[in-house]
Amino acid sequence: QVQLEESGGGLVQPGGSLRLSCAASGSVFGANVMGWYRQAPGQQRELVATITSGGFTNYADSVRGRFTIARDNAKNTVYLQMNSLKPEDTAVYYCNVRRQRVALPGDYWGQGTQVTVSS
């Protein structure tokens, strides 16, 4: 029903920047929450940031002030601008779309993209 295509991950030095993109296709509909989660080896998956269709954002305390989430509703695309990256940010980042349509709710995940912060 919904496919998520992620891009933008890679290797970056501490203090550097990366921009992740996630394009959703299929029966997404407008009412949804898009976001990013991450999981490091041996760690539990954690929320990074989310953004509603109305533009309301939520950030993990660990990334607040460094990361910025944005979305393009016309393109059903969510972005994560990551600045001042730290080694602790190293993880697999997963795009998420939660469809809030009452008649057809859904929760979808991307395949994950590796972000490695290392000197």
PDB file of N, CA and C in Angstrom:
ATOM      1  N   GLN A   1       0.820  -1.200   0.000  1.00  0.00           N
ATOM      2  CA  GLN A   1       0.000   0.000   0.000  1.00  0.00           C
ATOM      3  C   GLN A   1       0.855   1.252   0.000  1.00  0.00           C
ATOM      4  N   VAL A   2       1.840   1.292   0.880  1.00  0.00           N
ATOM      5  CA  VAL A   2       2.730   2.437   0.991  1.00  0.00           C
ATOM      6  C   VAL A   2       4.170   1.954   0.906  1.00  0.00           C
ATOM      7  N   GLN A   3       4.938   2.600   0.065  1.00  0.00           N
ATOM      8  CA  GLN A   3       6.351   2.304  -0.069  1.00  0.00           C
ATOM      9  C   GLN A   3       7.159   3.535   0.321  1.00  0.00           C
ATOM     10  N   LEU A   4       8.247   3.310   1.042  1.00  0.00           N
ATOM     11  CA  LEU A   4       9.099   4.387   1.504  1.00  0.00           C
ATOM     12  C   LEU A   4      10.493   4.193   0.931  1.00  0.00           C
ATOM     13  N   GLU A   5      11.001   5.234   0.313  1.00  0.00           N
ATOM     14  CA  GLU A   5      12.315   5.197  -0.293  1.00  0.00           C
ATOM     15  C   GLU A   5      13.218   6.202   0.400  1.00  0.00           C
ATOM     16  N   GLU A   6      14.220   5.693   1.099  1.00  0.00           N
ATOM     17  CA  GLU A   6      15.127   6.526   1.865  1.00  0.00           C
ATOM     18  C   GLU A   6      16.422   6.773   1.107  1.00  0.00           C
ATOM     19  N   SER A   7      17.045   7.898   1.415  1.00  0.00           N
ATOM     20  CA  SER A   7      18.333   8.222   0.832  1.00  0.00           C
ATOM     21  C   SER A   7      19.043   9.234   1.724  1.00  0.00           C
ATOM     22  N   GLY A   8      20.347   9.346   1.550  1.00  0.00           N
ATOM     23  CA  GLY A   8      21.109  10.374   2.226  1.00  0.00           C
ATOM     24  C   GLY A   8      22.042   9.915   3.322  1.00  0.00           C
ATOM     25  N   GLY A   9      21.976   8.649   3.697  1.00  0.00           N
ATOM     26  CA  GLY A   9      22.859   8.160   4.737  1.00  0.00           C
ATOM     27  C   GLY A   9      24.287   8.038   4.248  1.00  0.00           C
ATOM     28  N   GLY A  10      25.190   7.810   5.192  1.00  0.00           N
ATOM     29  CA  GLY A  10      26.578   7.659   4.830  1.00  0.00           C
ATOM     30  C   GLY A  10      27.505   7.885   5.997  1.00  0.00           C
ATOM     31  N   LEU A  11      28.774   8.070   5.675  1.00  0.00           N
ATOM     32  CA  LEU A  11      29.819   8.297   6.662  1.00  0.00           C
ATOM     33  C   LEU A  11      30.171   9.768   6.712  1.00  0.00           C
ATOM     34  N   VAL A  12      30.255  10.310   7.917  1.00  0.00           N
ATOM     35  CA  VAL A  12      30.577  11.718   8.084  1.00  0.00           C
ATOM     36  C   VAL A  12      31.423  11.885   9.339  1.00  0.00           C
ATOM     37  N   GLN A  13      32.282  12.883   9.343  1.00  0.00           N
ATOM     38  CA  GLN A  13      33.113  13.160  10.503  1.00  0.00           C
ATOM     39  C   GLN A  13      32.321  13.897  11.583  1.00  0.00           C
ATOM     40  N   PRO A  14      32.742  13.772  12.827  1.00  0.00           N
ATOM     41  CA  PRO A  14      32.079  14.532  13.886  1.00  0.00           C
ATOM     42  C   PRO A  14      32.038  16.017  13.556  1.00  0.00           C
ATOM     43  N   GLY A  15      30.894  16.622  13.813  1.00  0.00           N
ATOM     44  CA  GLY A  15      30.693  18.014  13.480  1.00  0.00           C
ATOM     45  C   GLY A  15      30.146  18.252  12.090  1.00  0.00           C
ATOM     46  N   GLY A  16      30.102  17.213  11.294  1.00  0.00           N
ATOM     47  CA  GLY A  16      29.609  17.329   9.938  1.00  0.00           C
ATOM     48  C   GLY A  16      28.101  17.270   9.856  1.00  0.00           C
ATOM     49  N   SER A  17      27.608  17.251   8.625  1.00  0.00           N
ATOM     50  CA  SER A  17      26.175  17.281   8.376  1.00  0.00           C
ATOM     51  C   SER A  17      25.772  16.239   7.347  1.00  0.00           C
ATOM     52  N   LEU A  18      24.551  15.784   7.473  1.00  0.00           N
ATOM     53  CA  LEU A  18      23.922  14.903   6.504  1.00  0.00           C
ATOM     54  C   LEU A  18      22.458  15.285   6.390  1.00  0.00           C
ATOM     55  N   ARG A  19      21.892  15.012   5.242  1.00  0.00           N
ATOM     56  CA  ARG A  19      20.477  15.249   5.038  1.00  0.00           C
ATOM     57  C   ARG A  19      19.826  13.973   4.535  1.00  0.00           C
ATOM     58  N   LEU A  20      18.891  13.453   5.303  1.00  0.00           N
ATOM     59  CA  LEU A  20      18.154  12.265   4.931  1.00  0.00           C
ATOM     60  C   LEU A  20      16.843  12.650   4.264  1.00  0.00           C
ATOM     61  N   SER A  21      16.456  11.867   3.279  1.00  0.00           N
ATOM     62  CA  SER A  21      15.191  12.074   2.596  1.00  0.00           C
ATOM     63  C   SER A  21      14.417  10.767   2.572  1.00  0.00           C
ATOM     64  N   CYS A  22      13.111  10.873   2.610  1.00  0.00           N
ATOM     65  CA  CYS A  22      12.246   9.706   2.541  1.00  0.00           C
ATOM     66  C   CYS A  22      11.007  10.078   1.754  1.00  0.00           C
ATOM     67  N   ALA A  23      10.842   9.449   0.614  1.00  0.00           N
ATOM     68  CA  ALA A  23       9.699   9.700  -0.245  1.00  0.00           C
ATOM     69  C   ALA A  23       8.700   8.559  -0.120  1.00  0.00           C
ATOM     70  N   ALA A  24       7.470   8.901   0.175  1.00  0.00           N
ATOM     71  CA  ALA A  24       6.409   7.920   0.321  1.00  0.00           C
ATOM     72  C   ALA A  24       5.551   7.887  -0.933  1.00  0.00           C
ATOM     73  N   SER A  25       5.187   6.701  -1.342  1.00  0.00           N
ATOM     74  CA  SER A  25       4.308   6.534  -2.488  1.00  0.00           C
ATOM     75  C   SER A  25       3.229   5.521  -2.150  1.00  0.00           C
ATOM     76  N   GLY A  26       2.155   5.563  -2.906  1.00  0.00           N
ATOM     77  CA  GLY A  26       1.035   4.687  -2.646  1.00  0.00           C
ATOM     78  C   GLY A  26      -0.094   5.423  -1.960  1.00  0.00           C
ATOM     79  N   SER A  27      -0.867   4.687  -1.192  1.00  0.00           N
ATOM     80  CA  SER A  27      -2.059   5.242  -0.547  1.00  0.00           C
ATOM     81  C   SER A  27      -1.707   5.905   0.774  1.00  0.00           C
ATOM     82  N   VAL A  28      -0.952   6.989   0.679  1.00  0.00           N
ATOM     83  CA  VAL A  28      -0.505   7.678   1.876  1.00  0.00           C
ATOM     84  C   VAL A  28      -1.604   8.563   2.461  1.00  0.00           C
ATOM     85  N   PHE A  29      -2.239   9.331   1.605  1.00  0.00           N
ATOM     86  CA  PHE A  29      -3.231  10.329   2.003  1.00  0.00           C
ATOM     87  C   PHE A  29      -2.574  11.437   2.813  1.00  0.00           C
ATOM     88  N   GLY A  30      -3.299  12.527   2.984  1.00  0.00           N
ATOM     89  CA  GLY A  30      -2.706  13.707   3.583  1.00  0.00           C
ATOM     90  C   GLY A  30      -2.553  13.676   5.091  1.00  0.00           C
ATOM     91  N   ALA A  31      -3.460  13.030   5.779  1.00  0.00           N
ATOM     92  CA  ALA A  31      -3.448  13.026   7.234  1.00  0.00           C
ATOM     93  C   ALA A  31      -2.507  11.933   7.748  1.00  0.00           C
ATOM     94  N   ASN A  32      -1.311  12.336   8.065  1.00  0.00           N
ATOM     95  CA  ASN A  32      -0.344  11.358   8.542  1.00  0.00           C
ATOM     96  C   ASN A  32       0.749  12.044   9.334  1.00  0.00           C
ATOM     97  N   VAL A  33       1.453  11.238  10.084  1.00  0.00           N
ATOM     98  CA  VAL A  33       2.630  11.692  10.802  1.00  0.00           C
ATOM     99  C   VAL A  33       3.843  11.020  10.162  1.00  0.00           C
ATOM    100  N   MET A  34       4.821  11.804   9.791  1.00  0.00           N
ATOM    101  CA  MET A  34       6.039  11.287   9.208  1.00  0.00           C
ATOM    102  C   MET A  34       7.182  11.543  10.174  1.00  0.00           C
ATOM    103  N   GLY A  35       8.117  10.607  10.215  1.00  0.00           N
ATOM    104  CA  GLY A  35       9.195  10.796  11.155  1.00  0.00           C
ATOM    105  C   GLY A  35      10.375   9.890  10.920  1.00  0.00           C
ATOM    106  N   TRP A  36      11.350  10.056  11.800  1.00  0.00           N
ATOM    107  CA  TRP A  36      12.575   9.284  11.754  1.00  0.00           C
ATOM    108  C   TRP A  36      12.834   8.650  13.108  1.00  0.00           C
ATOM    109  N   TYR A  37      13.221   7.395  13.079  1.00  0.00           N
ATOM    110  CA  TYR A  37      13.647   6.660  14.246  1.00  0.00           C
ATOM    111  C   TYR A  37      15.028   6.092  13.967  1.00  0.00           C
ATOM    112  N   ARG A  38      15.747   5.738  15.009  1.00  0.00           N
ATOM    113  CA  ARG A  38      17.065   5.169  14.806  1.00  0.00           C
ATOM    114  C   ARG A  38      17.322   4.052  15.801  1.00  0.00           C
ATOM    115  N   GLN A  39      18.223   3.167  15.413  1.00  0.00           N
ATOM    116  CA  GLN A  39      18.575   2.043  16.256  1.00  0.00           C
ATOM    117  C   GLN A  39      20.050   1.715  16.079  1.00  0.00           C
ATOM    118  N   ALA A  40      20.785   1.753  17.166  1.00  0.00           N
ATOM    119  CA  ALA A  40      22.184   1.365  17.175  1.00  0.00           C
ATOM    120  C   ALA A  40      22.290  -0.101  17.575  1.00  0.00           C
ATOM    121  N   PRO A  41      23.379  -0.777  17.197  1.00  0.00           N
ATOM    122  CA  PRO A  41      23.536  -2.188  17.565  1.00  0.00           C
ATOM    123  C   PRO A  41      23.418  -2.403  19.070  1.00  0.00           C
ATOM    124  N   GLY A  42      22.587  -3.355  19.457  1.00  0.00           N
ATOM    125  CA  GLY A  42      22.395  -3.648  20.856  1.00  0.00           C
ATOM    126  C   GLY A  42      21.532  -2.654  21.598  1.00  0.00           C
ATOM    127  N   GLN A  43      21.022  -1.665  20.894  1.00  0.00           N
ATOM    128  CA  GLN A  43      20.204  -0.636  21.511  1.00  0.00           C
ATOM    129  C   GLN A  43      18.757  -0.753  21.062  1.00  0.00           C
ATOM    130  N   GLN A  44      17.888  -0.140  21.821  1.00  0.00           N
ATOM    131  CA  GLN A  44      16.481  -0.110  21.477  1.00  0.00           C
ATOM    132  C   GLN A  44      16.212   0.998  20.467  1.00  0.00           C
ATOM    133  N   ARG A  45      15.262   0.751  19.599  1.00  0.00           N
ATOM    134  CA  ARG A  45      14.867   1.776  18.650  1.00  0.00           C
ATOM    135  C   ARG A  45      14.339   2.999  19.390  1.00  0.00           C
ATOM    136  N   GLU A  46      14.727   4.164  18.944  1.00  0.00           N
ATOM    137  CA  GLU A  46      14.300   5.383  19.592  1.00  0.00           C
ATOM    138  C   GLU A  46      13.823   6.408  18.578  1.00  0.00           C
ATOM    139  N   LEU A  47      12.932   7.236  19.024  1.00  0.00           N
ATOM    140  CA  LEU A  47      12.429   8.320  18.195  1.00  0.00           C
ATOM    141  C   LEU A  47      13.495   9.382  18.022  1.00  0.00           C
ATOM    142  N   VAL A  48      13.619   9.876  16.809  1.00  0.00           N
ATOM    143  CA  VAL A  48      14.501  10.999  16.520  1.00  0.00           C
ATOM    144  C   VAL A  48      13.682  12.276  16.372  1.00  0.00           C
ATOM    145  N   ALA A  49      12.733  12.243  15.458  1.00  0.00           N
ATOM    146  CA  ALA A  49      11.887  13.407  15.220  1.00  0.00           C
ATOM    147  C   ALA A  49      10.662  12.993  14.430  1.00  0.00           C
ATOM    148  N   THR A  50       9.571  13.691  14.655  1.00  0.00           N
ATOM    149  CA  THR A  50       8.353  13.486  13.881  1.00  0.00           C
ATOM    150  C   THR A  50       7.776  14.831  13.483  1.00  0.00           C
ATOM    151  N   ILE A  51       6.954  14.797  12.457  1.00  0.00           N
ATOM    152  CA  ILE A  51       6.280  16.002  12.002  1.00  0.00           C
ATOM    153  C   ILE A  51       4.909  15.622  11.471  1.00  0.00           C
ATOM    154  N   THR A  52       3.894  16.356  11.882  1.00  0.00           N
ATOM    155  CA  THR A  52       2.542  16.088  11.437  1.00  0.00           C
ATOM    156  C   THR A  52       2.280  16.788  10.113  1.00  0.00           C
ATOM    157  N   SER A  53       1.153  16.442   9.503  1.00  0.00           N
ATOM    158  CA  SER A  53       0.778  17.093   8.258  1.00  0.00           C
ATOM    159  C   SER A  53       0.539  18.582   8.454  1.00  0.00           C
ATOM    160  N   GLY A  54       0.241  18.988   9.685  1.00  0.00           N
ATOM    161  CA  GLY A  54       0.057  20.388  10.000  1.00  0.00           C
ATOM    162  C   GLY A  54       1.334  21.124  10.346  1.00  0.00           C
ATOM    163  N   GLY A  55       2.456  20.408  10.383  1.00  0.00           N
ATOM    164  CA  GLY A  55       3.738  21.044  10.613  1.00  0.00           C
ATOM    165  C   GLY A  55       4.231  21.026  12.051  1.00  0.00           C
ATOM    166  N   PHE A  56       3.520  20.380  12.943  1.00  0.00           N
ATOM    167  CA  PHE A  56       3.974  20.286  14.324  1.00  0.00           C
ATOM    168  C   PHE A  56       5.089  19.265  14.434  1.00  0.00           C
ATOM    169  N   THR A  57       6.142  19.619  15.141  1.00  0.00           N
ATOM    170  CA  THR A  57       7.320  18.773  15.239  1.00  0.00           C
ATOM    171  C   THR A  57       7.558  18.293  16.661  1.00  0.00           C
ATOM    172  N   ASN A  58       8.256  17.182  16.751  1.00  0.00           N
ATOM    173  CA  ASN A  58       8.660  16.614  18.024  1.00  0.00           C
ATOM    174  C   ASN A  58      10.061  16.055  17.858  1.00  0.00           C
ATOM    175  N   TYR A  59      10.952  16.367  18.805  1.00  0.00           N
ATOM    176  CA  TYR A  59      12.341  15.935  18.730  1.00  0.00           C
ATOM    177  C   TYR A  59      12.758  15.220  19.996  1.00  0.00           C
ATOM    178  N   ALA A  60      13.638  14.256  19.824  1.00  0.00           N
ATOM    179  CA  ALA A  60      14.303  13.686  20.978  1.00  0.00           C
ATOM    180  C   ALA A  60      15.226  14.730  21.584  1.00  0.00           C
ATOM    181  N   ASP A  61      15.356  14.709  22.904  1.00  0.00           N
ATOM    182  CA  ASP A  61      16.209  15.684  23.564  1.00  0.00           C
ATOM    183  C   ASP A  61      17.649  15.624  23.066  1.00  0.00           C
ATOM    184  N   SER A  62      18.093  14.448  22.689  1.00  0.00           N
ATOM    185  CA  SER A  62      19.474  14.272  22.272  1.00  0.00           C
ATOM    186  C   SER A  62      19.796  14.940  20.940  1.00  0.00           C
ATOM    187  N   VAL A  63      18.778  15.252  20.152  1.00  0.00           N
ATOM    188  CA  VAL A  63      19.018  15.851  18.841  1.00  0.00           C
ATOM    189  C   VAL A  63      18.445  17.251  18.716  1.00  0.00           C
ATOM    190  N   ARG A  64      17.676  17.679  19.679  1.00  0.00           N
ATOM    191  CA  ARG A  64      17.064  18.993  19.623  1.00  0.00           C
ATOM    192  C   ARG A  64      18.121  20.079  19.496  1.00  0.00           C
ATOM    193  N   GLY A  65      17.894  20.974  18.561  1.00  0.00           N
ATOM    194  CA  GLY A  65      18.844  22.039  18.310  1.00  0.00           C
ATOM    195  C   GLY A  65      19.881  21.703  17.274  1.00  0.00           C
ATOM    196  N   ARG A  66      20.047  20.431  16.967  1.00  0.00           N
ATOM    197  CA  ARG A  66      21.012  20.002  15.963  1.00  0.00           C
ATOM    198  C   ARG A  66      20.333  19.468  14.705  1.00  0.00           C
ATOM    199  N   PHE A  67      19.212  18.786  14.890  1.00  0.00           N
ATOM    200  CA  PHE A  67      18.486  18.196  13.770  1.00  0.00           C
ATOM    201  C   PHE A  67      17.239  19.013  13.478  1.00  0.00           C
ATOM    202  N   THR A  68      16.839  19.024  12.222  1.00  0.00           N
ATOM    203  CA  THR A  68      15.619  19.685  11.806  1.00  0.00           C
ATOM    204  C   THR A  68      14.837  18.763  10.881  1.00  0.00           C
ATOM    205  N   ILE A  69      13.579  18.539  11.213  1.00  0.00           N
ATOM    206  CA  ILE A  69      12.723  17.724  10.375  1.00  0.00           C
ATOM    207  C   ILE A  69      11.796  18.642   9.585  1.00  0.00           C
ATOM    208  N   ALA A  70      11.545  18.283   8.345  1.00  0.00           N
ATOM    209  CA  ALA A  70      10.658  19.051   7.487  1.00  0.00           C
ATOM    210  C   ALA A  70       9.946  18.099   6.543  1.00  0.00           C
ATOM    211  N   ARG A  71       8.884  18.580   5.928  1.00  0.00           N
ATOM    212  CA  ARG A  71       8.149  17.739   4.998  1.00  0.00           C
ATOM    213  C   ARG A  71       7.587  18.560   3.856  1.00  0.00           C
ATOM    214  N   ASP A  72       7.391  17.886   2.753  1.00  0.00           N
ATOM    215  CA  ASP A  72       6.758  18.452   1.586  1.00  0.00           C
ATOM    216  C   ASP A  72       5.511  17.614   1.341  1.00  0.00           C
ATOM    217  N   ASN A  73       4.368  18.138   1.712  1.00  0.00           N
ATOM    218  CA  ASN A  73       3.136  17.369   1.611  1.00  0.00           C
ATOM    219  C   ASN A  73       2.766  17.042   0.166  1.00  0.00           C
ATOM    220  N   ALA A  74       3.078  17.939  -0.742  1.00  0.00           N
ATOM    221  CA  ALA A  74       2.766  17.695  -2.142  1.00  0.00           C
ATOM    222  C   ALA A  74       3.538  16.506  -2.684  1.00  0.00           C
ATOM    223  N   LYS A  75       4.736  16.303  -2.174  1.00  0.00           N
ATOM    224  CA  LYS A  75       5.582  15.205  -2.632  1.00  0.00           C
ATOM    225  C   LYS A  75       5.571  14.012  -1.688  1.00  0.00           C
ATOM    226  N   ASN A  76       4.847  14.125  -0.583  1.00  0.00           N
ATOM    227  CA  ASN A  76       4.844  13.075   0.439  1.00  0.00           C
ATOM    228  C   ASN A  76       6.266  12.671   0.825  1.00  0.00           C
ATOM    229  N   THR A  77       7.065  13.671   1.082  1.00  0.00           N
ATOM    230  CA  THR A  77       8.464  13.461   1.395  1.00  0.00           C
ATOM    231  C   THR A  77       8.813  14.119   2.723  1.00  0.00           C
ATOM    232  N   VAL A  78       9.589  13.418   3.524  1.00  0.00           N
ATOM    233  CA  VAL A  78      10.058  13.952   4.792  1.00  0.00           C
ATOM    234  C   VAL A  78      11.580  14.010   4.755  1.00  0.00           C
ATOM    235  N   TYR A  79      12.131  15.055   5.361  1.00  0.00           N
ATOM    236  CA  TYR A  79      13.562  15.277   5.375  1.00  0.00           C
ATOM    237  C   TYR A  79      14.057  15.377   6.808  1.00  0.00           C
ATOM    238  N   LEU A  80      15.291  15.011   7.000  1.00  0.00           N
ATOM    239  CA  LEU A  80      15.944  15.200   8.282  1.00  0.00           C
ATOM    240  C   LEU A  80      17.309  15.814   8.037  1.00  0.00           C
ATOM    241  N   GLN A  81      17.437  17.082   8.373  1.00  0.00           N
ATOM    242  CA  GLN A  81      18.711  17.773   8.277  1.00  0.00           C
ATOM    243  C   GLN A  81      19.459  17.570   9.584  1.00  0.00           C
ATOM    244  N   MET A  82      20.610  16.955   9.515  1.00  0.00           N
ATOM    245  CA  MET A  82      21.391  16.629  10.696  1.00  0.00           C
ATOM    246  C   MET A  82      22.683  17.428  10.677  1.00  0.00           C
ATOM    247  N   ASN A  83      22.829  18.309  11.641  1.00  0.00           N
ATOM    248  CA  ASN A  83      24.016  19.136  11.776  1.00  0.00           C
ATOM    249  C   ASN A  83      24.737  18.808  13.076  1.00  0.00           C
ATOM    250  N   SER A  84      25.983  19.229  13.153  1.00  0.00           N
ATOM    251  CA  SER A  84      26.796  19.008  14.350  1.00  0.00           C
ATOM    252  C   SER A  84      26.736  17.563  14.804  1.00  0.00           C
ATOM    253  N   LEU A  85      26.932  16.669  13.878  1.00  0.00           N
ATOM    254  CA  LEU A  85      26.796  15.248  14.167  1.00  0.00           C
ATOM    255  C   LEU A  85      27.850  14.770  15.152  1.00  0.00           C
ATOM    256  N   LYS A  86      27.432  13.852  16.002  1.00  0.00           N
ATOM    257  CA  LYS A  86      28.284  13.271  17.022  1.00  0.00           C
ATOM    258  C   LYS A  86      28.395  11.772  16.804  1.00  0.00           C
ATOM    259  N   PRO A  87      29.457  11.148  17.314  1.00  0.00           N
ATOM    260  CA  PRO A  87      29.557   9.691  17.204  1.00  0.00           C
ATOM    261  C   PRO A  87      28.341   8.965  17.783  1.00  0.00           C
ATOM    262  N   GLU A  88      27.723   9.536  18.791  1.00  0.00           N
ATOM    263  CA  GLU A  88      26.545   8.939  19.393  1.00  0.00           C
ATOM    264  C   GLU A  88      25.355   8.899  18.450  1.00  0.00           C
ATOM    265  N   ASP A  89      25.409   9.642  17.365  1.00  0.00           N
ATOM    266  CA  ASP A  89      24.336   9.630  16.381  1.00  0.00           C
ATOM    267  C   ASP A  89      24.433   8.440  15.432  1.00  0.00           C
ATOM    268  N   THR A  90      25.505   7.697  15.513  1.00  0.00           N
ATOM    269  CA  THR A  90      25.688   6.541  14.641  1.00  0.00           C
ATOM    270  C   THR A  90      24.592   5.512  14.890  1.00  0.00           C
ATOM    271  N   ALA A  91      23.883   5.160  13.833  1.00  0.00           N
ATOM    272  CA  ALA A  91      22.771   4.226  13.943  1.00  0.00           C
ATOM    273  C   ALA A  91      22.189   3.987  12.562  1.00  0.00           C
ATOM    274  N   VAL A  92      21.285   3.032  12.493  1.00  0.00           N
ATOM    275  CA  VAL A  92      20.456   2.870  11.315  1.00  0.00           C
ATOM    276  C   VAL A  92      19.224   3.736  11.513  1.00  0.00           C
ATOM    277  N   TYR A  93      18.966   4.588  10.559  1.00  0.00           N
ATOM    278  CA  TYR A  93      17.837   5.507  10.637  1.00  0.00           C
ATOM    279  C   TYR A  93      16.694   4.987   9.780  1.00  0.00           C
ATOM    280  N   TYR A  94      15.518   4.929  10.374  1.00  0.00           N
ATOM    281  CA  TYR A  94      14.342   4.398   9.707  1.00  0.00           C
ATOM    282  C   TYR A  94      13.297   5.485   9.517  1.00  0.00           C
ATOM    283  N   CYS A  95      12.818   5.598   8.314  1.00  0.00           N
ATOM    284  CA  CYS A  95      11.709   6.485   8.020  1.00  0.00           C
ATOM    285  C   CYS A  95      10.397   5.814   8.413  1.00  0.00           C
ATOM    286  N   ASN A  96       9.474   6.590   8.922  1.00  0.00           N
ATOM    287  CA  ASN A  96       8.187   6.063   9.350  1.00  0.00           C
ATOM    288  C   ASN A  96       7.059   6.965   8.882  1.00  0.00           C
ATOM    289  N   VAL A  97       5.989   6.349   8.423  1.00  0.00           N
ATOM    290  CA  VAL A  97       4.769   7.063   8.071  1.00  0.00           C
ATOM    291  C   VAL A  97       3.608   6.386   8.778  1.00  0.00           C
ATOM    292  N   ARG A  98       2.885   7.146   9.557  1.00  0.00           N
ATOM    293  CA  ARG A  98       1.702   6.655  10.241  1.00  0.00           C
ATOM    294  C   ARG A  98       0.490   7.335   9.626  1.00  0.00           C
ATOM    295  N   ARG A  99      -0.286   6.557   8.886  1.00  0.00           N
ATOM    296  CA  ARG A  99      -1.470   7.078   8.225  1.00  0.00           C
ATOM    297  C   ARG A  99      -2.616   7.162   9.221  1.00  0.00           C
ATOM    298  N   GLN A 100      -3.242   8.316   9.290  1.00  0.00           N
ATOM    299  CA  GLN A 100      -4.261   8.561  10.292  1.00  0.00           C
ATOM    300  C   GLN A 100      -5.680   8.579   9.716  1.00  0.00           C
ATOM    301  N   ARG A 101      -5.827   8.172   8.481  1.00  0.00           N
ATOM    302  CA  ARG A 101      -7.148   8.094   7.892  1.00  0.00           C
ATOM    303  C   ARG A 101      -7.969   7.057   8.653  1.00  0.00           C
ATOM    304  N   VAL A 102      -9.130   7.465   9.139  1.00  0.00           N
ATOM    305  CA  VAL A 102      -9.929   6.607   9.997  1.00  0.00           C
ATOM    306  C   VAL A 102     -10.316   5.304   9.299  1.00  0.00           C
ATOM    307  N   ALA A 103     -10.732   5.405   8.055  1.00  0.00           N
ATOM    308  CA  ALA A 103     -11.191   4.225   7.329  1.00  0.00           C
ATOM    309  C   ALA A 103     -10.052   3.308   6.906  1.00  0.00           C
ATOM    310  N   LEU A 104      -8.836   3.827   6.883  1.00  0.00           N
ATOM    311  CA  LEU A 104      -7.707   3.038   6.413  1.00  0.00           C
ATOM    312  C   LEU A 104      -6.435   3.439   7.148  1.00  0.00           C
ATOM    313  N   PRO A 105      -6.350   3.101   8.425  1.00  0.00           N
ATOM    314  CA  PRO A 105      -5.139   3.443   9.170  1.00  0.00           C
ATOM    315  C   PRO A 105      -3.971   2.563   8.732  1.00  0.00           C
ATOM    316  N   GLY A 106      -2.773   3.028   9.003  1.00  0.00           N
ATOM    317  CA  GLY A 106      -1.613   2.252   8.637  1.00  0.00           C
ATOM    318  C   GLY A 106      -0.343   2.782   9.275  1.00  0.00           C
ATOM    319  N   ASP A 107       0.665   1.933   9.322  1.00  0.00           N
ATOM    320  CA  ASP A 107       1.956   2.277   9.898  1.00  0.00           C
ATOM    321  C   ASP A 107       3.020   1.609   9.041  1.00  0.00           C
ATOM    322  N   TYR A 108       3.901   2.412   8.450  1.00  0.00           N
ATOM    323  CA  TYR A 108       4.849   1.894   7.472  1.00  0.00           C
ATOM    324  C   TYR A 108       6.263   2.343   7.781  1.00  0.00           C
ATOM    325  N   TRP A 109       7.206   1.499   7.422  1.00  0.00           N
ATOM    326  CA  TRP A 109       8.608   1.740   7.713  1.00  0.00           C
ATOM    327  C   TRP A 109       9.465   1.595   6.474  1.00  0.00           C
ATOM    328  N   GLY A 110      10.489   2.413   6.400  1.00  0.00           N
ATOM    329  CA  GLY A 110      11.472   2.270   5.355  1.00  0.00           C
ATOM    330  C   GLY A 110      12.454   1.165   5.678  1.00  0.00           C
ATOM    331  N   GLN A 111      13.356   0.911   4.752  1.00  0.00           N
ATOM    332  CA  GLN A 111      14.298  -0.191   4.916  1.00  0.00           C
ATOM    333  C   GLN A 111      15.449   0.148   5.859  1.00  0.00           C
ATOM    334  N   GLY A 112      15.627   1.408   6.153  1.00  0.00           N
ATOM    335  CA  GLY A 112      16.705   1.855   7.008  1.00  0.00           C
ATOM    336  C   GLY A 112      17.907   2.308   6.207  1.00  0.00           C
ATOM    337  N   THR A 113      18.560   3.343   6.697  1.00  0.00           N
ATOM    338  CA  THR A 113      19.775   3.836   6.067  1.00  0.00           C
ATOM    339  C   THR A 113      20.821   4.076   7.146  1.00  0.00           C
ATOM    340  N   GLN A 114      22.036   3.630   6.885  1.00  0.00           N
ATOM    341  CA  GLN A 114      23.101   3.700   7.874  1.00  0.00           C
ATOM    342  C   GLN A 114      23.705   5.096   7.923  1.00  0.00           C
ATOM    343  N   VAL A 115      23.804   5.624   9.126  1.00  0.00           N
ATOM    344  CA  VAL A 115      24.513   6.870   9.375  1.00  0.00           C
ATOM    345  C   VAL A 115      25.655   6.568  10.333  1.00  0.00           C
ATOM    346  N   THR A 116      26.860   6.847   9.900  1.00  0.00           N
ATOM    347  CA  THR A 116      28.039   6.601  10.721  1.00  0.00           C
ATOM    348  C   THR A 116      28.806   7.893  10.907  1.00  0.00           C
ATOM    349  N   VAL A 117      29.039   8.262  12.152  1.00  0.00           N
ATOM    350  CA  VAL A 117      29.772   9.475  12.487  1.00  0.00           C
ATOM    351  C   VAL A 117      31.074   9.049  13.144  1.00  0.00           C
ATOM    352  N   SER A 118      32.159   9.254  12.448  1.00  0.00           N
ATOM    353  CA  SER A 118      33.452   8.788  12.940  1.00  0.00           C
ATOM    354  C   SER A 118      34.565   9.580  12.286  1.00  0.00           C
ATOM    355  N   SER A 119      35.644   9.769  13.032  1.00  0.00           N
ATOM    356  CA  SER A 119      36.817  10.416  12.491  1.00  0.00           C
ATOM    357  C   SER A 119      37.804   9.404  11.935  1.00  0.00           C
TER     358      SER A 119
END
